[in-house]
Amino acid sequence: MSHHDSVRQRLHAIEAQLREHQHWQDNAPEARVFESTQPFCMDTLEPLEWLQWVLIPRMHQLVDSQQPLPQSFAVAPYYEMALTVDHPFRTIILPELEQLDALFAGTDDK
């Protein structure tokens, strides 16, 4: 399995968890929220919204067009801080994000 295929598989797993646990939204937020200059659009999107509306689509675009993928990429540390310890989805999504991060740990684009 290619690196791109592995990333695609992880993105689908993350989306599946968001859907299964009712964190997937049917309607996109207003376009202005994507104009944020903050990391993870933290001033305009909730952390799980950022996964759906920014990370997943952008990574799929890279994978679909066989573009180089980011290097030393990591989102799990943000979610460890952004989702409170008692957030019911934390223990479900963190392992998924850690698996995604592991695909980029110390790699060049394969």
C-alpha atoms as a PDB file:
ATOM      1  CA  MET A   1       0.000   0.000   0.000  1.00  0.00           C
ATOM      2  CA  SER A   2       1.394   3.397  -0.942  1.00  0.00           C
ATOM      3  CA  HIS A   3       1.859   6.227   1.545  1.00  0.00           C
ATOM      4  CA  HIS A   4      -0.960   8.131  -0.170  1.00  0.00           C
ATOM      5  CA  ASP A   5      -3.257   5.103   0.148  1.00  0.00           C
ATOM      6  CA  SER A   6      -2.418   4.758   3.849  1.00  0.00           C
ATOM      7  CA  VAL A   7      -3.248   8.418   4.417  1.00  0.00           C
ATOM      8  CA  ARG A   8      -6.533   8.051   2.521  1.00  0.00           C
ATOM      9  CA  GLN A   9      -7.432   5.037   4.654  1.00  0.00           C
ATOM     10  CA  ARG A  10      -6.768   6.993   7.880  1.00  0.00           C
ATOM     11  CA  LEU A  11      -8.836   9.948   6.643  1.00  0.00           C
ATOM     12  CA  HIS A  12     -11.751   7.613   5.938  1.00  0.00           C
ATOM     13  CA  ALA A  13     -11.410   6.099   9.420  1.00  0.00           C
ATOM     14  CA  ILE A  14     -11.475   9.555  11.026  1.00  0.00           C
ATOM     15  CA  GLU A  15     -14.523  10.546   8.995  1.00  0.00           C
ATOM     16  CA  ALA A  16     -16.263   7.297   9.937  1.00  0.00           C
ATOM     17  CA  GLN A  17     -15.714   8.001  13.642  1.00  0.00           C
ATOM     18  CA  LEU A  18     -17.022  11.557  13.272  1.00  0.00           C
ATOM     19  CA  ARG A  19     -20.120  10.261  11.501  1.00  0.00           C
ATOM     20  CA  GLU A  20     -20.709   7.350  13.856  1.00  0.00           C
ATOM     21  CA  HIS A  21     -20.590   9.607  16.906  1.00  0.00           C
ATOM     22  CA  GLN A  22     -22.730  12.386  15.391  1.00  0.00           C
ATOM     23  CA  HIS A  23     -19.895  14.907  15.011  1.00  0.00           C
ATOM     24  CA  TRP A  24     -20.280  15.151  11.223  1.00  0.00           C
ATOM     25  CA  GLN A  25     -22.198  18.187  10.023  1.00  0.00           C
ATOM     26  CA  ASP A  26     -24.441  18.303   6.976  1.00  0.00           C
ATOM     27  CA  ASN A  27     -24.079  22.024   6.321  1.00  0.00           C
ATOM     28  CA  ALA A  28     -20.788  23.808   5.756  1.00  0.00           C
ATOM     29  CA  PRO A  29     -20.053  26.855   7.891  1.00  0.00           C
ATOM     30  CA  GLU A  30     -20.014  30.311   6.357  1.00  0.00           C
ATOM     31  CA  ALA A  31     -17.042  31.000   4.088  1.00  0.00           C
ATOM     32  CA  ARG A  32     -15.709  33.704   6.428  1.00  0.00           C
ATOM     33  CA  VAL A  33     -14.738  31.120   9.063  1.00  0.00           C
ATOM     34  CA  PHE A  34     -12.071  29.782   6.716  1.00  0.00           C
ATOM     35  CA  GLU A  35     -10.393  33.185   6.558  1.00  0.00           C
ATOM     36  CA  SER A  36      -8.986  32.665  10.038  1.00  0.00           C
ATOM     37  CA  THR A  37      -5.283  33.265  10.490  1.00  0.00           C
ATOM     38  CA  GLN A  38      -5.178  31.144  13.647  1.00  0.00           C
ATOM     39  CA  PRO A  39      -3.846  27.581  13.608  1.00  0.00           C
ATOM     40  CA  PHE A  40      -6.699  25.084  13.276  1.00  0.00           C
ATOM     41  CA  CYS A  41      -9.052  28.068  12.732  1.00  0.00           C
ATOM     42  CA  MET A  42      -9.339  27.970  16.507  1.00  0.00           C
ATOM     43  CA  ASP A  43     -11.030  31.369  16.582  1.00  0.00           C
ATOM     44  CA  THR A  44     -13.756  30.415  14.101  1.00  0.00           C
ATOM     45  CA  LEU A  45     -14.239  26.625  14.184  1.00  0.00           C
ATOM     46  CA  GLU A  46     -14.651  24.048  16.907  1.00  0.00           C
ATOM     47  CA  PRO A  47     -11.840  21.466  16.876  1.00  0.00           C
ATOM     48  CA  LEU A  48     -13.971  18.695  15.395  1.00  0.00           C
ATOM     49  CA  GLU A  49     -15.342  21.064  12.755  1.00  0.00           C
ATOM     50  CA  TRP A  50     -11.778  21.789  11.642  1.00  0.00           C
ATOM     51  CA  LEU A  51     -11.227  18.078  11.007  1.00  0.00           C
ATOM     52  CA  GLN A  52     -14.297  17.879   8.789  1.00  0.00           C
ATOM     53  CA  TRP A  53     -14.064  21.172   6.966  1.00  0.00           C
ATOM     54  CA  VAL A  54     -10.304  21.732   6.674  1.00  0.00           C
ATOM     55  CA  LEU A  55      -8.043  18.752   7.378  1.00  0.00           C
ATOM     56  CA  ILE A  56      -9.978  15.959   5.704  1.00  0.00           C
ATOM     57  CA  PRO A  57     -10.804  17.825   2.468  1.00  0.00           C
ATOM     58  CA  ARG A  58      -7.326  19.337   2.096  1.00  0.00           C
ATOM     59  CA  MET A  59      -5.590  16.033   2.683  1.00  0.00           C
ATOM     60  CA  HIS A  60      -7.939  14.284   0.241  1.00  0.00           C
ATOM     61  CA  GLN A  61      -7.078  16.929  -2.370  1.00  0.00           C
ATOM     62  CA  LEU A  62      -3.372  16.210  -1.924  1.00  0.00           C
ATOM     63  CA  VAL A  63      -3.884  12.455  -2.031  1.00  0.00           C
ATOM     64  CA  ASP A  64      -6.260  12.535  -5.005  1.00  0.00           C
ATOM     65  CA  SER A  65      -3.876  14.653  -7.057  1.00  0.00           C
ATOM     66  CA  GLN A  66      -0.825  12.657  -5.914  1.00  0.00           C
ATOM     67  CA  GLN A  67       0.761  15.856  -4.579  1.00  0.00           C
ATOM     68  CA  PRO A  68       3.577  15.719  -2.024  1.00  0.00           C
ATOM     69  CA  LEU A  69       2.224  15.236   1.472  1.00  0.00           C
ATOM     70  CA  PRO A  70       3.285  17.291   4.481  1.00  0.00           C
ATOM     71  CA  GLN A  71       6.332  16.205   6.424  1.00  0.00           C
ATOM     72  CA  SER A  72       6.551  16.080  10.222  1.00  0.00           C
ATOM     73  CA  PHE A  73       2.805  16.555  10.397  1.00  0.00           C
ATOM     74  CA  ALA A  74       1.033  16.205  13.765  1.00  0.00           C
ATOM     75  CA  VAL A  75      -2.493  17.142  14.836  1.00  0.00           C
ATOM     76  CA  ALA A  76      -3.020  14.829  17.818  1.00  0.00           C
ATOM     77  CA  PRO A  77      -1.141  17.138  20.248  1.00  0.00           C
ATOM     78  CA  TYR A  78      -3.610  19.945  19.490  1.00  0.00           C
ATOM     79  CA  TYR A  79      -6.557  17.637  20.149  1.00  0.00           C
ATOM     80  CA  GLU A  80      -5.022  16.459  23.414  1.00  0.00           C
ATOM     81  CA  MET A  81      -5.255  20.078  24.547  1.00  0.00           C
ATOM     82  CA  ALA A  82      -8.414  21.169  22.695  1.00  0.00           C
ATOM     83  CA  LEU A  83     -10.658  18.331  23.880  1.00  0.00           C
ATOM     84  CA  THR A  84     -11.137  18.267  27.621  1.00  0.00           C
ATOM     85  CA  VAL A  85     -10.261  15.092  29.475  1.00  0.00           C
ATOM     86  CA  ASP A  86     -13.950  14.409  30.060  1.00  0.00           C
ATOM     87  CA  HIS A  87     -14.979  15.053  26.427  1.00  0.00           C
ATOM     88  CA  PRO A  88     -16.796  11.829  25.437  1.00  0.00           C
ATOM     89  CA  PHE A  89     -15.195  11.709  21.976  1.00  0.00           C
ATOM     90  CA  ARG A  90     -11.617  12.298  23.151  1.00  0.00           C
ATOM     91  CA  THR A  91     -10.728   8.640  23.735  1.00  0.00           C
ATOM     92  CA  ILE A  92     -12.195   7.716  20.361  1.00  0.00           C
ATOM     93  CA  ILE A  93     -10.662  10.375  18.124  1.00  0.00           C
ATOM     94  CA  LEU A  94      -7.200  10.706  19.680  1.00  0.00           C
ATOM     95  CA  PRO A  95      -6.054   7.200  18.687  1.00  0.00           C
ATOM     96  CA  GLU A  96      -7.279   7.841  15.130  1.00  0.00           C
ATOM     97  CA  LEU A  97      -5.355  11.112  14.946  1.00  0.00           C
ATOM     98  CA  GLU A  98      -2.248   9.519  16.450  1.00  0.00           C
ATOM     99  CA  GLN A  99      -2.374   6.858  13.728  1.00  0.00           C
ATOM    100  CA  LEU A 100      -2.620   9.586  11.095  1.00  0.00           C
ATOM    101  CA  ASP A 101       0.303  11.464  12.675  1.00  0.00           C
ATOM    102  CA  ALA A 102       2.363   8.272  12.732  1.00  0.00           C
ATOM    103  CA  LEU A 103       2.189   8.173   8.926  1.00  0.00           C
ATOM    104  CA  PHE A 104       4.092  11.472   8.861  1.00  0.00           C
ATOM    105  CA  ALA A 105       6.528  10.918  11.732  1.00  0.00           C
ATOM    106  CA  GLY A 106      10.001  11.506  10.380  1.00  0.00           C
ATOM    107  CA  THR A 107       9.095  10.584   6.821  1.00  0.00           C
ATOM    108  CA  ASP A 108       9.847  12.200   3.558  1.00  0.00           C
ATOM    109  CA  ASP A 109       7.036  12.013   1.003  1.00  0.00           C
ATOM    110  CA  LYS A 110       6.913   8.371  -0.047  1.00  0.00           C
END
